[in-house]
């Protein structure tokens, strides 16, 4: 038996990282296998749960206190798709965020792999409390994306 392997675009060209997680969800029947559509739905402000929108609002309000700029428009846009995974990436002076949204059609699994590297102390100060809520945010966003895409069928 061949041992399973795990690869993600989120790890590409990353020598080290300071935070990482992988969140899985079952893929509802008859939903798309296209990782771009999953990533775009997952990160769409239109489909985000209300409490996640509120948390992002708090982030926008608090970021200037650390000398951080607001995230530019398109920060969560898909940068590229390879095979069964879409990559979202944002790099600034303070941190590097990479997220691979993968769809395993055969196993009916959607996978969200997040990797964050701190580029300076502001990135660490900003992301340390965010890391506590990150799994809850991603699970909530995945639940909403599953419902939206299942309704589109």
Protein backbone atom coordinates (compact mmCIF):
# COMPACT_ATOMS: atom_id res chain seq x y z
CA UNK A 1 0.00 0.00 0.00
CA UNK A 2 1.27 3.46 -0.91
CA UNK A 3 1.19 5.94 1.97
CA UNK A 4 -0.98 8.99 1.33
CA UNK A 5 0.77 12.22 0.41
CA UNK A 6 -0.42 15.75 0.84
CA UNK A 7 0.51 18.60 -1.42
CA UNK A 8 -0.88 22.09 -1.69
CA UNK A 9 -0.09 25.19 -3.72
CA UNK A 10 -0.13 27.01 -0.38
CA UNK A 11 3.26 25.42 0.42
CA UNK A 12 4.88 26.23 -2.92
CA UNK A 13 7.99 28.39 -2.52
CA UNK A 14 7.47 28.58 1.25
CA UNK A 15 10.64 27.71 3.13
CA UNK A 16 9.06 28.17 6.53
CA UNK A 17 5.77 29.34 7.90
CA UNK A 18 4.54 30.60 11.25
CA UNK A 19 0.93 29.41 11.10
CA UNK A 20 -0.80 26.71 9.13
CA UNK A 21 -3.99 24.73 9.15
CA UNK A 22 -6.01 22.43 6.94
CA UNK A 23 -9.80 22.45 7.23
CA UNK A 24 -11.88 19.77 5.50
CA UNK A 25 -15.54 19.56 4.63
CA UNK A 26 -17.59 17.02 2.76
CA UNK A 27 -18.56 18.12 -0.73
CA UNK A 28 -22.33 17.97 -1.21
CA UNK A 29 -23.64 15.80 -4.05
CA UNK A 30 -24.00 17.50 -7.45
CA UNK A 31 -21.87 20.48 -6.47
CA UNK A 32 -19.14 21.65 -8.80
CA UNK A 33 -15.67 20.11 -8.78
CA UNK A 34 -14.16 23.43 -9.94
CA UNK A 35 -11.77 24.72 -7.24
CA UNK A 36 -12.00 28.30 -8.59
CA UNK A 37 -15.75 28.37 -8.01
CA UNK A 38 -15.30 26.93 -4.50
CA UNK A 39 -12.60 29.52 -3.68
CA UNK A 40 -14.59 32.42 -5.11
CA UNK A 41 -17.73 31.35 -3.23
CA UNK A 42 -15.79 30.76 -0.03
CA UNK A 43 -14.23 34.25 -0.08
CA UNK A 44 -17.15 36.18 -1.58
CA UNK A 45 -18.38 39.03 0.65
CA UNK A 46 -21.90 38.26 -0.63
CA UNK A 47 -21.86 34.76 0.86
CA UNK A 48 -19.80 35.42 4.00
CA UNK A 49 -21.57 34.71 7.30
CA UNK A 50 -22.64 37.92 9.08
CA UNK A 51 -20.34 37.36 12.05
CA UNK A 52 -17.37 36.94 9.67
CA UNK A 53 -18.28 40.22 7.95
CA UNK A 54 -18.39 41.86 11.40
CA UNK A 55 -14.99 40.42 12.32
CA UNK A 56 -13.52 41.78 9.09
CA UNK A 57 -14.97 45.17 9.98
CA UNK A 58 -13.20 45.04 13.35
CA UNK A 59 -9.97 44.10 11.55
CA UNK A 60 -10.33 47.11 9.26
CA UNK A 61 -10.88 49.38 12.27
CA UNK A 62 -7.96 48.01 14.34
CA UNK A 63 -5.31 47.53 11.64
CA UNK A 64 -4.26 51.20 11.54
CA UNK A 65 -3.46 51.04 15.27
CA UNK A 66 -0.62 48.66 14.37
CA UNK A 67 0.47 50.73 11.41
CA UNK A 68 -1.08 48.26 8.98
CA UNK A 69 -2.73 49.42 5.80
CA UNK A 70 -6.14 48.21 4.77
CA UNK A 71 -6.22 45.22 2.52
CA UNK A 72 -6.38 46.23 -1.14
CA UNK A 73 -9.37 45.42 -3.33
CA UNK A 74 -9.06 41.88 -4.65
CA UNK A 75 -6.97 40.60 -1.73
CA UNK A 76 -8.88 37.30 -1.80
CA UNK A 77 -8.97 36.90 -5.59
CA UNK A 78 -7.85 33.58 -7.03
CA UNK A 79 -4.31 34.01 -8.35
CA UNK A 80 -4.15 30.71 -10.24
CA UNK A 81 -5.64 27.24 -10.56
CA UNK A 82 -3.62 24.07 -11.00
CA UNK A 83 -5.37 20.73 -11.20
CA UNK A 84 -7.85 20.41 -8.36
CA UNK A 85 -6.68 23.45 -6.38
CA UNK A 86 -7.07 27.24 -6.52
CA UNK A 87 -4.51 29.52 -4.88
CA UNK A 88 -5.24 32.79 -3.11
CA UNK A 89 -2.18 34.75 -2.03
CA UNK A 90 -1.48 38.12 -0.45
CA UNK A 91 2.00 39.41 0.34
CA UNK A 92 2.77 42.63 2.17
CA UNK A 93 5.56 43.96 4.35
CA UNK A 94 4.04 42.44 7.49
CA UNK A 95 2.86 38.97 6.50
CA UNK A 96 2.36 36.56 3.65
CA UNK A 97 -0.99 34.76 3.43
CA UNK A 98 -1.46 31.75 1.15
CA UNK A 99 -4.60 29.68 0.87
CA UNK A 100 -5.16 26.64 -1.30
CA UNK A 101 -8.77 25.62 -1.91
CA UNK A 102 -8.78 22.07 -3.21
CA UNK A 103 -11.57 19.78 -4.38
CA UNK A 104 -11.11 16.02 -4.24
CA UNK A 105 -14.03 14.90 -6.41
CA UNK A 106 -13.39 11.20 -5.87
CA UNK A 107 -13.43 11.48 -2.07
CA UNK A 108 -16.10 14.26 -2.14
CA UNK A 109 -13.94 16.52 0.04
CA UNK A 110 -13.23 20.24 -0.07
CA UNK A 111 -9.92 21.24 1.55
CA UNK A 112 -8.81 24.69 2.67
CA UNK A 113 -5.08 24.90 3.42
CA UNK A 114 -3.84 28.13 4.99
CA UNK A 115 -0.21 29.12 5.51
CA UNK A 116 0.89 32.43 7.05
CA UNK A 117 4.45 33.71 7.34
CA UNK A 118 5.23 36.73 9.49
CA UNK A 119 7.46 39.22 7.70
CA UNK A 120 7.90 41.52 10.70
CA UNK A 121 6.68 42.02 14.28
CA UNK A 122 3.48 43.78 13.13
CA UNK A 123 2.44 40.70 11.21
CA UNK A 124 2.97 38.57 14.32
CA UNK A 125 1.07 40.97 16.59
CA UNK A 126 -1.79 41.23 14.09
CA UNK A 127 -2.13 37.53 13.28
CA UNK A 128 -1.61 35.99 16.72
CA UNK A 129 -5.14 36.81 17.92
CA UNK A 130 -6.53 36.16 14.43
CA UNK A 131 -5.05 32.64 14.55
CA UNK A 132 -7.30 31.79 17.49
CA UNK A 133 -10.44 32.52 15.48
CA UNK A 134 -9.13 31.37 12.10
CA UNK A 135 -10.39 27.74 12.24
CA UNK A 136 -13.85 28.93 13.35
CA UNK A 137 -13.95 31.47 10.52
CA UNK A 138 -12.93 28.93 7.88
CA UNK A 139 -15.40 26.29 9.14
CA UNK A 140 -18.18 28.89 9.05
CA UNK A 141 -17.23 30.07 5.57
CA UNK A 142 -17.10 26.45 4.33
CA UNK A 143 -20.55 25.69 5.76
CA UNK A 144 -21.96 28.73 3.96
CA UNK A 145 -20.19 27.90 0.68
CA UNK A 146 -21.51 24.32 0.87
CA UNK A 147 -25.09 25.62 1.25
CA UNK A 148 -24.73 28.18 -1.55
CA UNK A 149 -23.21 25.73 -4.01
CA UNK A 150 -25.64 22.93 -3.09
CA UNK A 151 -28.54 25.31 -3.78
CA UNK A 152 -27.08 26.07 -7.22
CA UNK A 153 -26.79 22.28 -7.77
